[in-house]
């Protein structure tokens, strides 16, 4: 089984913010594969199904970003999913909007959701889908920036970003992480 955890904050006030692009991408993937995210457990909403012959759980932690580890760790332990079979989708301010960087392992890069998953789960050796949301203008507050909605220009191509992130997940499930990295890293997925 693979667990695909989209990171974000619950509640309508956060629904369309940059910080919730992980939620949006996970929801898009689930929708395209007929997985309903209505089950409650592991402090999350989730759905389970088969995608390309692999059992998949799509998980939306409802713990708020900075406490994502409790939800993700609970689901992984309950389902017997080791770190390399966990895929975490999250916002990344160090990448321009429209960029996707798939990575296996590494540090948390200052991302509080990843930091908390590493602390609670006990490992950072999972797959990350780092979805670029860009940085605030020079001197801008990062926390306020990621909790804002996308600009009108970004909203025009957000659907393509989510569509291509779902395609990258599909490729990963079919052919593995290296193939997904080769196909999607260092390319503009907003086109």
N, C-alpha and C. Protein backbone atom coordinates (compact mmCIF):
# COMPACT_ATOMS: atom_id res chain seq x y z
N UNK A 1 0.83 -1.19 0.00
CA UNK A 1 0.00 0.00 0.00
C UNK A 1 0.87 1.24 0.00
N UNK A 2 0.37 2.27 -0.68
CA UNK A 2 1.00 3.58 -0.65
C UNK A 2 0.04 4.54 0.06
N UNK A 3 0.58 5.43 0.87
CA UNK A 3 -0.22 6.51 1.46
C UNK A 3 0.20 7.81 0.80
N UNK A 4 -0.78 8.50 0.24
CA UNK A 4 -0.56 9.82 -0.36
C UNK A 4 -1.18 10.82 0.60
N UNK A 5 -0.34 11.58 1.27
CA UNK A 5 -0.80 12.56 2.27
C UNK A 5 -0.66 13.96 1.70
N UNK A 6 -1.79 14.63 1.52
CA UNK A 6 -1.78 16.02 1.10
C UNK A 6 -1.79 16.90 2.34
N UNK A 7 -0.84 17.81 2.44
CA UNK A 7 -0.78 18.67 3.62
C UNK A 7 -1.52 19.98 3.40
N UNK A 8 -2.13 20.45 4.48
CA UNK A 8 -2.86 21.71 4.44
C UNK A 8 -3.51 21.97 5.78
N UNK A 9 -4.35 22.97 5.81
CA UNK A 9 -5.11 23.32 7.01
C UNK A 9 -6.59 23.10 6.74
N UNK A 10 -7.32 22.52 7.71
CA UNK A 10 -8.77 22.33 7.51
C UNK A 10 -9.53 23.65 7.63
N UNK A 11 -10.70 23.67 7.07
CA UNK A 11 -11.59 24.84 7.21
C UNK A 11 -11.65 25.67 5.95
N UNK A 12 -12.82 26.28 5.71
CA UNK A 12 -13.03 27.05 4.47
C UNK A 12 -12.13 28.27 4.34
N UNK A 13 -11.69 28.84 5.47
CA UNK A 13 -10.84 30.03 5.37
C UNK A 13 -9.47 29.73 4.79
N UNK A 14 -9.07 28.46 4.78
CA UNK A 14 -7.76 28.07 4.24
C UNK A 14 -7.87 27.37 2.89
N UNK A 15 -9.07 27.07 2.45
CA UNK A 15 -9.30 26.15 1.32
C UNK A 15 -8.52 26.51 0.05
N UNK A 16 -8.45 27.75 -0.31
CA UNK A 16 -7.82 28.14 -1.58
C UNK A 16 -6.49 28.87 -1.38
N UNK A 17 -5.82 28.62 -0.28
CA UNK A 17 -4.55 29.30 -0.01
C UNK A 17 -3.37 28.49 -0.54
N UNK A 18 -2.24 29.17 -0.68
CA UNK A 18 -1.02 28.51 -1.16
C UNK A 18 -0.62 27.35 -0.24
N UNK A 19 -0.81 27.52 1.07
CA UNK A 19 -0.42 26.51 2.03
C UNK A 19 -1.21 25.21 1.84
N UNK A 20 -2.36 25.29 1.17
CA UNK A 20 -3.23 24.13 0.99
C UNK A 20 -3.10 23.46 -0.37
N UNK A 21 -2.06 23.78 -1.11
CA UNK A 21 -1.92 23.17 -2.44
C UNK A 21 -1.72 21.65 -2.32
N UNK A 22 -1.18 21.18 -1.20
CA UNK A 22 -1.06 19.74 -0.97
C UNK A 22 -2.42 19.07 -0.87
N UNK A 23 -3.33 19.71 -0.12
CA UNK A 23 -4.72 19.22 -0.05
C UNK A 23 -5.33 19.19 -1.45
N UNK A 24 -5.18 20.31 -2.18
CA UNK A 24 -5.80 20.43 -3.50
C UNK A 24 -5.31 19.35 -4.45
N UNK A 25 -4.01 19.09 -4.44
CA UNK A 25 -3.43 18.08 -5.34
C UNK A 25 -3.91 16.68 -4.96
N UNK A 26 -3.97 16.39 -3.67
CA UNK A 26 -4.44 15.07 -3.21
C UNK A 26 -5.91 14.88 -3.58
N UNK A 27 -6.71 15.93 -3.40
CA UNK A 27 -8.14 15.86 -3.74
C UNK A 27 -8.33 15.65 -5.24
N UNK A 28 -7.52 16.31 -6.04
CA UNK A 28 -7.61 16.17 -7.50
C UNK A 28 -7.30 14.73 -7.91
N UNK A 29 -6.20 14.18 -7.37
CA UNK A 29 -5.82 12.80 -7.67
C UNK A 29 -6.94 11.84 -7.26
N UNK A 30 -7.45 12.01 -6.05
CA UNK A 30 -8.51 11.14 -5.54
C UNK A 30 -9.75 11.21 -6.44
N UNK A 31 -10.14 12.41 -6.82
CA UNK A 31 -11.31 12.61 -7.67
C UNK A 31 -11.14 11.91 -9.01
N UNK A 32 -9.97 12.01 -9.60
CA UNK A 32 -9.72 11.41 -10.91
C UNK A 32 -9.73 9.89 -10.86
N UNK A 33 -9.55 9.33 -9.66
CA UNK A 33 -9.51 7.87 -9.54
C UNK A 33 -10.68 7.32 -8.72
N UNK A 34 -11.72 8.14 -8.56
CA UNK A 34 -12.95 7.67 -7.93
C UNK A 34 -12.83 7.36 -6.44
N UNK A 35 -11.87 7.98 -5.78
CA UNK A 35 -11.71 7.78 -4.34
C UNK A 35 -12.40 8.92 -3.60
N UNK A 36 -13.38 8.60 -2.76
CA UNK A 36 -14.04 9.64 -1.98
C UNK A 36 -13.32 9.78 -0.64
N UNK A 37 -13.07 11.01 -0.26
CA UNK A 37 -12.32 11.30 0.96
C UNK A 37 -13.29 11.65 2.08
N UNK A 38 -14.10 10.68 2.47
CA UNK A 38 -15.14 10.92 3.48
C UNK A 38 -14.95 10.11 4.74
N UNK A 39 -14.07 9.12 4.71
CA UNK A 39 -13.83 8.33 5.91
C UNK A 39 -13.10 9.19 6.93
N UNK A 40 -13.40 8.96 8.21
CA UNK A 40 -12.74 9.71 9.28
C UNK A 40 -11.94 8.75 10.15
N UNK A 41 -10.72 9.11 10.41
CA UNK A 41 -9.83 8.31 11.24
C UNK A 41 -8.43 8.86 11.11
N UNK A 42 -7.57 8.52 12.02
CA UNK A 42 -6.18 9.00 12.00
C UNK A 42 -6.13 10.54 12.02
N UNK A 43 -7.12 11.16 12.65
CA UNK A 43 -7.22 12.63 12.69
C UNK A 43 -7.20 13.20 11.27
N UNK A 44 -7.91 12.52 10.36
CA UNK A 44 -7.88 12.89 8.95
C UNK A 44 -9.17 12.50 8.27
N UNK A 45 -9.35 13.03 7.07
CA UNK A 45 -10.32 12.52 6.11
C UNK A 45 -9.51 11.69 5.13
N UNK A 46 -10.06 10.54 4.73
CA UNK A 46 -9.29 9.72 3.82
C UNK A 46 -10.20 8.83 2.97
N UNK A 47 -9.60 8.28 1.94
CA UNK A 47 -10.26 7.31 1.09
C UNK A 47 -9.25 6.26 0.69
N UNK A 48 -9.73 5.05 0.44
CA UNK A 48 -8.86 3.93 0.07
C UNK A 48 -9.40 3.31 -1.21
N UNK A 49 -8.51 2.91 -2.09
CA UNK A 49 -8.91 2.25 -3.32
C UNK A 49 -7.72 1.70 -4.06
N UNK A 50 -7.98 1.20 -5.24
CA UNK A 50 -6.92 0.64 -6.07
C UNK A 50 -6.69 1.56 -7.26
N UNK A 51 -5.43 1.90 -7.48
CA UNK A 51 -5.04 2.75 -8.61
C UNK A 51 -3.90 2.04 -9.32
N UNK A 52 -4.11 1.68 -10.59
CA UNK A 52 -3.12 0.95 -11.37
C UNK A 52 -2.65 -0.30 -10.64
N UNK A 53 -3.59 -1.00 -10.02
CA UNK A 53 -3.29 -2.26 -9.36
C UNK A 53 -2.62 -2.12 -8.01
N UNK A 54 -2.44 -0.91 -7.52
CA UNK A 54 -1.83 -0.70 -6.21
C UNK A 54 -2.88 -0.17 -5.24
N UNK A 55 -2.86 -0.70 -4.03
CA UNK A 55 -3.76 -0.17 -3.00
C UNK A 55 -3.20 1.17 -2.53
N UNK A 56 -4.08 2.16 -2.48
CA UNK A 56 -3.69 3.52 -2.16
C UNK A 56 -4.63 4.09 -1.11
N UNK A 57 -4.06 4.79 -0.14
CA UNK A 57 -4.85 5.60 0.79
C UNK A 57 -4.49 7.06 0.52
N UNK A 58 -5.50 7.88 0.24
CA UNK A 58 -5.29 9.32 0.12
C UNK A 58 -5.76 9.94 1.42
N UNK A 59 -4.87 10.67 2.07
CA UNK A 59 -5.07 11.17 3.43
C UNK A 59 -4.99 12.69 3.47
N UNK A 60 -5.98 13.33 4.10
CA UNK A 60 -5.95 14.78 4.33
C UNK A 60 -5.96 15.01 5.84
N UNK A 61 -4.79 15.17 6.47
CA UNK A 61 -4.76 15.41 7.92
C UNK A 61 -5.59 16.63 8.29
N UNK A 62 -6.36 16.51 9.35
CA UNK A 62 -7.20 17.61 9.83
C UNK A 62 -6.61 18.24 11.10
N UNK A 63 -5.33 18.09 11.28
CA UNK A 63 -4.63 18.51 12.50
C UNK A 63 -4.01 19.89 12.39
N UNK A 64 -4.14 20.55 11.26
CA UNK A 64 -3.42 21.76 10.90
C UNK A 64 -2.00 21.37 10.51
N UNK A 65 -1.44 22.15 9.63
CA UNK A 65 -0.15 21.86 9.00
C UNK A 65 0.94 21.49 10.01
N UNK A 66 1.10 22.30 11.05
CA UNK A 66 2.23 22.14 11.96
C UNK A 66 2.13 20.90 12.84
N UNK A 67 0.99 20.19 12.78
CA UNK A 67 0.82 18.96 13.57
C UNK A 67 0.45 17.78 12.68
N UNK A 68 0.85 17.84 11.43
CA UNK A 68 0.53 16.79 10.46
C UNK A 68 1.08 15.43 10.84
N UNK A 69 2.16 15.40 11.60
CA UNK A 69 2.82 14.14 11.94
C UNK A 69 1.94 13.16 12.68
N UNK A 70 1.08 13.64 13.57
CA UNK A 70 0.21 12.73 14.34
C UNK A 70 -0.69 11.94 13.40
N UNK A 71 -1.27 12.61 12.43
CA UNK A 71 -2.17 11.97 11.48
C UNK A 71 -1.43 11.02 10.55
N UNK A 72 -0.36 11.51 9.93
CA UNK A 72 0.40 10.72 8.97
C UNK A 72 1.00 9.49 9.64
N UNK A 73 1.59 9.67 10.81
CA UNK A 73 2.21 8.56 11.53
C UNK A 73 1.17 7.51 11.93
N UNK A 74 0.01 7.96 12.40
CA UNK A 74 -1.06 7.05 12.79
C UNK A 74 -1.49 6.18 11.60
N UNK A 75 -1.70 6.80 10.45
CA UNK A 75 -2.13 6.06 9.26
C UNK A 75 -1.06 5.08 8.81
N UNK A 76 0.19 5.52 8.78
CA UNK A 76 1.28 4.64 8.33
C UNK A 76 1.44 3.44 9.26
N UNK A 77 1.37 3.69 10.56
CA UNK A 77 1.53 2.58 11.51
C UNK A 77 0.35 1.61 11.43
N UNK A 78 -0.86 2.14 11.33
CA UNK A 78 -2.05 1.28 11.26
C UNK A 78 -2.06 0.42 10.00
N UNK A 79 -1.57 0.98 8.89
CA UNK A 79 -1.61 0.27 7.62
C UNK A 79 -0.31 -0.48 7.33
N UNK A 80 0.68 -0.37 8.21
CA UNK A 80 1.96 -1.05 8.00
C UNK A 80 2.74 -0.49 6.82
N UNK A 81 2.65 0.83 6.61
CA UNK A 81 3.31 1.48 5.48
C UNK A 81 4.67 2.03 5.93
N UNK A 82 5.77 1.54 5.35
CA UNK A 82 7.09 2.04 5.71
C UNK A 82 7.36 3.40 5.04
N UNK A 83 8.35 4.14 5.53
CA UNK A 83 8.61 5.48 4.98
C UNK A 83 8.71 5.56 3.45
N UNK A 84 9.38 4.63 2.75
CA UNK A 84 9.48 4.79 1.29
C UNK A 84 8.15 4.67 0.55
N UNK A 85 7.10 4.16 1.22
CA UNK A 85 5.78 4.05 0.59
C UNK A 85 4.84 5.17 0.99
N UNK A 86 5.38 6.18 1.66
CA UNK A 86 4.63 7.39 2.01
C UNK A 86 4.99 8.48 1.01
N UNK A 87 3.97 9.13 0.45
CA UNK A 87 4.15 10.23 -0.49
C UNK A 87 3.46 11.45 0.11
N UNK A 88 4.22 12.50 0.36
CA UNK A 88 3.68 13.70 0.99
C UNK A 88 3.67 14.83 -0.04
N UNK A 89 2.49 15.42 -0.25
CA UNK A 89 2.32 16.55 -1.17
C UNK A 89 2.25 17.83 -0.35
N UNK A 90 3.12 18.79 -0.66
CA UNK A 90 3.14 20.01 0.15
C UNK A 90 3.57 21.23 -0.66
N UNK A 91 3.25 22.40 -0.11
CA UNK A 91 3.65 23.66 -0.71
C UNK A 91 5.14 23.87 -0.50
N UNK A 92 5.77 24.56 -1.45
CA UNK A 92 7.21 24.81 -1.36
C UNK A 92 7.51 26.24 -1.80
N UNK A 93 7.89 27.09 -0.85
CA UNK A 93 8.16 28.50 -1.18
C UNK A 93 9.48 28.68 -1.90
N UNK A 94 10.37 27.70 -1.84
CA UNK A 94 11.66 27.82 -2.50
C UNK A 94 11.62 27.42 -3.97
N UNK A 95 10.43 27.14 -4.48
CA UNK A 95 10.26 26.83 -5.90
C UNK A 95 9.25 27.81 -6.49
N UNK A 96 9.48 28.24 -7.73
CA UNK A 96 8.51 29.13 -8.38
C UNK A 96 7.17 28.43 -8.58
N UNK A 97 6.11 29.22 -8.60
CA UNK A 97 4.79 28.68 -8.90
C UNK A 97 4.86 27.96 -10.25
N UNK A 98 4.23 26.79 -10.33
CA UNK A 98 4.23 26.03 -11.58
C UNK A 98 5.36 25.03 -11.67
N UNK A 99 6.12 24.88 -10.59
CA UNK A 99 7.23 23.93 -10.55
C UNK A 99 6.89 22.79 -9.60
N UNK A 100 7.24 21.58 -9.98
CA UNK A 100 7.09 20.41 -9.13
C UNK A 100 8.46 19.75 -9.00
N UNK A 101 8.86 19.47 -7.79
CA UNK A 101 10.12 18.76 -7.56
C UNK A 101 9.81 17.54 -6.71
N UNK A 102 10.02 16.37 -7.29
CA UNK A 102 9.80 15.11 -6.59
C UNK A 102 11.13 14.68 -6.00
N UNK A 103 11.09 14.24 -4.75
CA UNK A 103 12.33 13.95 -4.04
C UNK A 103 12.09 12.81 -3.06
N UNK A 104 13.09 11.96 -2.89
CA UNK A 104 13.01 10.90 -1.90
C UNK A 104 13.97 11.25 -0.77
N UNK A 105 13.42 11.41 0.44
CA UNK A 105 14.23 11.71 1.61
C UNK A 105 14.74 13.14 1.63
N UNK A 106 15.63 13.40 2.58
CA UNK A 106 16.20 14.74 2.75
C UNK A 106 15.71 15.38 4.03
N UNK A 107 16.03 16.64 4.20
CA UNK A 107 15.63 17.37 5.40
C UNK A 107 14.23 17.94 5.25
N UNK A 108 13.85 18.74 6.25
CA UNK A 108 12.51 19.35 6.20
C UNK A 108 12.52 20.71 5.52
N UNK A 109 13.70 21.28 5.30
CA UNK A 109 13.80 22.55 4.58
C UNK A 109 13.03 23.69 5.22
N UNK A 110 12.81 23.64 6.53
CA UNK A 110 12.08 24.69 7.21
C UNK A 110 10.57 24.56 7.12
N UNK A 111 10.08 23.53 6.44
CA UNK A 111 8.63 23.33 6.30
C UNK A 111 8.12 22.67 7.58
N UNK A 112 7.24 23.35 8.30
CA UNK A 112 6.79 22.85 9.60
C UNK A 112 5.99 21.56 9.52
N UNK A 113 5.27 21.35 8.45
CA UNK A 113 4.54 20.10 8.28
C UNK A 113 5.51 18.92 8.16
N UNK A 114 6.53 19.09 7.32
CA UNK A 114 7.54 18.03 7.16
C UNK A 114 8.32 17.84 8.46
N UNK A 115 8.66 18.93 9.11
CA UNK A 115 9.40 18.85 10.38
C UNK A 115 8.61 18.01 11.39
N UNK A 116 7.30 18.26 11.49
CA UNK A 116 6.48 17.53 12.45
C UNK A 116 6.31 16.07 12.05
N UNK A 117 6.16 15.79 10.76
CA UNK A 117 6.08 14.39 10.32
C UNK A 117 7.37 13.66 10.69
N UNK A 118 8.51 14.28 10.43
CA UNK A 118 9.79 13.66 10.78
C UNK A 118 9.92 13.39 12.26
N UNK A 119 9.47 14.35 13.09
CA UNK A 119 9.59 14.21 14.54
C UNK A 119 8.67 13.10 15.07
N UNK A 120 7.45 13.03 14.58
CA UNK A 120 6.48 12.06 15.10
C UNK A 120 6.65 10.68 14.44
N UNK A 121 6.85 10.68 13.13
CA UNK A 121 6.97 9.43 12.39
C UNK A 121 8.34 8.79 12.61
N UNK A 122 9.33 9.63 12.93
CA UNK A 122 10.67 9.13 13.20
C UNK A 122 11.52 8.94 11.97
N UNK A 123 11.06 9.47 10.83
CA UNK A 123 11.82 9.34 9.60
C UNK A 123 11.43 10.44 8.63
N UNK A 124 12.41 10.88 7.87
CA UNK A 124 12.16 11.81 6.76
C UNK A 124 12.44 11.13 5.43
N UNK A 125 12.59 9.82 5.44
CA UNK A 125 12.94 9.06 4.23
C UNK A 125 11.70 8.64 3.44
N UNK A 126 10.83 9.62 3.20
CA UNK A 126 9.64 9.38 2.40
C UNK A 126 9.71 10.22 1.13
N UNK A 127 8.78 9.99 0.22
CA UNK A 127 8.75 10.72 -1.05
C UNK A 127 8.01 12.03 -0.83
N UNK A 128 8.59 13.11 -1.35
CA UNK A 128 7.94 14.43 -1.26
C UNK A 128 7.60 14.92 -2.66
N UNK A 129 6.44 15.49 -2.80
CA UNK A 129 6.05 16.23 -3.99
C UNK A 129 6.06 17.69 -3.55
N UNK A 130 7.14 18.38 -3.85
CA UNK A 130 7.31 19.78 -3.48
C UNK A 130 6.66 20.64 -4.58
N UNK A 131 5.52 21.23 -4.27
CA UNK A 131 4.75 21.97 -5.27
C UNK A 131 5.01 23.46 -5.06
N UNK A 132 5.64 24.08 -6.05
CA UNK A 132 6.07 25.47 -5.94
C UNK A 132 4.93 26.46 -5.79
N UNK A 133 5.07 27.33 -4.78
CA UNK A 133 4.11 28.42 -4.58
C UNK A 133 4.81 29.78 -4.58
N UNK A 134 6.13 29.78 -4.77
CA UNK A 134 6.94 30.99 -4.84
C UNK A 134 7.10 31.64 -3.46
N UNK A 135 7.97 32.60 -3.39
CA UNK A 135 8.23 33.35 -2.15
C UNK A 135 7.48 34.67 -2.17
N UNK A 136 7.24 35.23 -1.00
CA UNK A 136 6.64 36.57 -0.98
C UNK A 136 7.66 37.58 -1.50
N UNK A 137 7.20 38.77 -1.90
CA UNK A 137 8.15 39.80 -2.31
C UNK A 137 9.16 40.07 -1.19
N UNK A 138 10.32 40.59 -1.54
CA UNK A 138 11.39 40.85 -0.57
C UNK A 138 10.84 41.58 0.65
N UNK A 139 11.16 41.04 1.82
CA UNK A 139 10.71 41.64 3.07
C UNK A 139 9.32 41.22 3.49
N UNK A 140 8.62 40.46 2.64
CA UNK A 140 7.27 40.02 2.98
C UNK A 140 7.28 38.90 4.00
N UNK A 141 6.22 38.82 4.78
CA UNK A 141 6.09 37.80 5.82
C UNK A 141 5.67 36.47 5.18
N UNK A 142 6.51 35.44 5.36
CA UNK A 142 6.26 34.14 4.74
C UNK A 142 4.96 33.52 5.24
N UNK A 143 4.74 33.56 6.56
CA UNK A 143 3.54 32.93 7.13
C UNK A 143 2.27 33.58 6.56
N UNK A 144 2.25 34.89 6.48
CA UNK A 144 1.07 35.56 5.92
C UNK A 144 0.92 35.24 4.43
N UNK A 145 2.04 35.17 3.72
CA UNK A 145 2.02 34.92 2.28
C UNK A 145 1.40 33.56 1.96
N UNK A 146 1.83 32.49 2.64
CA UNK A 146 1.33 31.16 2.30
C UNK A 146 -0.13 30.98 2.72
N UNK A 147 -0.62 31.84 3.62
CA UNK A 147 -2.03 31.74 4.03
C UNK A 147 -2.94 32.64 3.20
N UNK A 148 -2.38 33.22 2.13
CA UNK A 148 -3.18 34.03 1.20
C UNK A 148 -3.60 33.18 0.00
N UNK A 149 -4.65 33.63 -0.66
CA UNK A 149 -5.09 32.97 -1.89
C UNK A 149 -4.09 33.22 -3.01
N UNK A 150 -4.17 32.39 -4.03
CA UNK A 150 -3.33 32.57 -5.21
C UNK A 150 -3.73 33.85 -5.94
N UNK A 151 -2.77 34.42 -6.65
CA UNK A 151 -3.07 35.62 -7.45
C UNK A 151 -3.97 35.21 -8.62
N UNK A 152 -4.57 36.18 -9.29
CA UNK A 152 -5.44 35.87 -10.42
C UNK A 152 -4.65 35.21 -11.54
N UNK A 153 -3.42 35.61 -11.75
CA UNK A 153 -2.58 34.99 -12.78
C UNK A 153 -2.30 33.53 -12.42
N UNK A 154 -1.98 33.28 -11.14
CA UNK A 154 -1.72 31.91 -10.69
C UNK A 154 -2.99 31.06 -10.80
N UNK A 155 -4.13 31.62 -10.44
CA UNK A 155 -5.39 30.87 -10.49
C UNK A 155 -5.70 30.40 -11.92
N UNK A 156 -5.27 31.20 -12.92
CA UNK A 156 -5.51 30.83 -14.32
C UNK A 156 -4.81 29.52 -14.71
N UNK A 157 -3.69 29.20 -14.05
CA UNK A 157 -2.97 27.98 -14.41
C UNK A 157 -2.94 26.95 -13.27
N UNK A 158 -3.62 27.24 -12.16
CA UNK A 158 -3.64 26.32 -11.02
C UNK A 158 -4.20 24.95 -11.40
N UNK A 159 -5.24 24.93 -12.23
CA UNK A 159 -5.83 23.66 -12.63
C UNK A 159 -4.82 22.78 -13.35
N UNK A 160 -3.98 23.38 -14.22
CA UNK A 160 -2.96 22.61 -14.93
C UNK A 160 -1.90 22.09 -13.97
N UNK A 161 -1.55 22.90 -12.96
CA UNK A 161 -0.58 22.46 -11.95
C UNK A 161 -1.12 21.23 -11.22
N UNK A 162 -2.38 21.28 -10.81
CA UNK A 162 -2.99 20.15 -10.11
C UNK A 162 -3.13 18.93 -11.02
N UNK A 163 -3.51 19.16 -12.27
CA UNK A 163 -3.64 18.07 -13.23
C UNK A 163 -2.29 17.37 -13.44
N UNK A 164 -1.23 18.15 -13.62
CA UNK A 164 0.09 17.56 -13.85
C UNK A 164 0.67 16.91 -12.60
N UNK A 165 0.33 17.42 -11.44
CA UNK A 165 0.75 16.76 -10.19
C UNK A 165 0.08 15.40 -10.09
N UNK A 166 -1.19 15.31 -10.45
CA UNK A 166 -1.90 14.02 -10.46
C UNK A 166 -1.26 13.07 -11.47
N UNK A 167 -0.87 13.59 -12.63
CA UNK A 167 -0.20 12.75 -13.64
C UNK A 167 1.14 12.23 -13.11
N UNK A 168 1.87 13.08 -12.38
CA UNK A 168 3.15 12.66 -11.81
C UNK A 168 2.93 11.54 -10.78
N UNK A 169 1.87 11.66 -9.98
CA UNK A 169 1.54 10.59 -9.03
C UNK A 169 1.20 9.29 -9.76
N UNK A 170 0.45 9.41 -10.84
CA UNK A 170 0.10 8.23 -11.62
C UNK A 170 1.35 7.54 -12.16
N UNK A 171 2.27 8.34 -12.71
CA UNK A 171 3.51 7.78 -13.24
C UNK A 171 4.32 7.11 -12.14
N UNK A 172 4.37 7.73 -10.98
CA UNK A 172 5.09 7.14 -9.85
C UNK A 172 4.49 5.77 -9.50
N UNK A 173 3.18 5.68 -9.45
CA UNK A 173 2.53 4.42 -9.10
C UNK A 173 2.77 3.35 -10.17
N UNK A 174 2.85 3.76 -11.43
CA UNK A 174 3.02 2.81 -12.52
C UNK A 174 4.48 2.40 -12.72
N UNK A 175 5.40 3.37 -12.63
CA UNK A 175 6.77 3.10 -13.04
C UNK A 175 7.83 3.41 -11.99
N UNK A 176 7.44 4.01 -10.87
CA UNK A 176 8.41 4.27 -9.81
C UNK A 176 8.82 5.72 -9.70
N UNK A 177 9.48 6.01 -8.57
CA UNK A 177 9.82 7.39 -8.25
C UNK A 177 10.84 7.98 -9.23
N UNK A 178 11.81 7.19 -9.68
CA UNK A 178 12.83 7.72 -10.58
C UNK A 178 12.23 8.18 -11.90
N UNK A 179 11.31 7.39 -12.44
CA UNK A 179 10.64 7.77 -13.70
C UNK A 179 9.84 9.06 -13.52
N UNK A 180 9.14 9.17 -12.39
CA UNK A 180 8.36 10.39 -12.12
C UNK A 180 9.28 11.60 -11.99
N UNK A 181 10.41 11.42 -11.31
CA UNK A 181 11.37 12.52 -11.18
C UNK A 181 11.90 12.93 -12.55
N UNK A 182 12.28 11.95 -13.37
CA UNK A 182 12.82 12.25 -14.70
C UNK A 182 11.82 13.00 -15.57
N UNK A 183 10.55 12.65 -15.45
CA UNK A 183 9.53 13.24 -16.31
C UNK A 183 9.05 14.63 -15.85
N UNK A 184 9.06 14.86 -14.51
CA UNK A 184 8.41 16.07 -14.01
C UNK A 184 9.32 17.08 -13.32
N UNK A 185 10.47 16.66 -12.82
CA UNK A 185 11.35 17.63 -12.17
C UNK A 185 11.94 18.59 -13.21
N UNK A 186 12.12 19.83 -12.80
CA UNK A 186 12.74 20.86 -13.64
C UNK A 186 11.95 21.15 -14.92
N UNK A 187 10.62 21.08 -14.81
CA UNK A 187 9.79 21.43 -15.95
C UNK A 187 8.61 22.26 -15.44
N UNK A 188 8.12 23.16 -16.25
CA UNK A 188 6.99 24.01 -15.89
C UNK A 188 5.71 23.21 -16.05
N UNK A 189 5.06 22.89 -14.92
CA UNK A 189 3.84 22.08 -15.00
C UNK A 189 2.58 22.94 -15.08
N UNK A 190 2.76 24.25 -15.23
CA UNK A 190 1.59 25.14 -15.35
C UNK A 190 1.18 25.32 -16.81
N UNK A 191 1.94 24.73 -17.72
CA UNK A 191 1.65 24.89 -19.17
C UNK A 191 0.77 23.78 -19.68
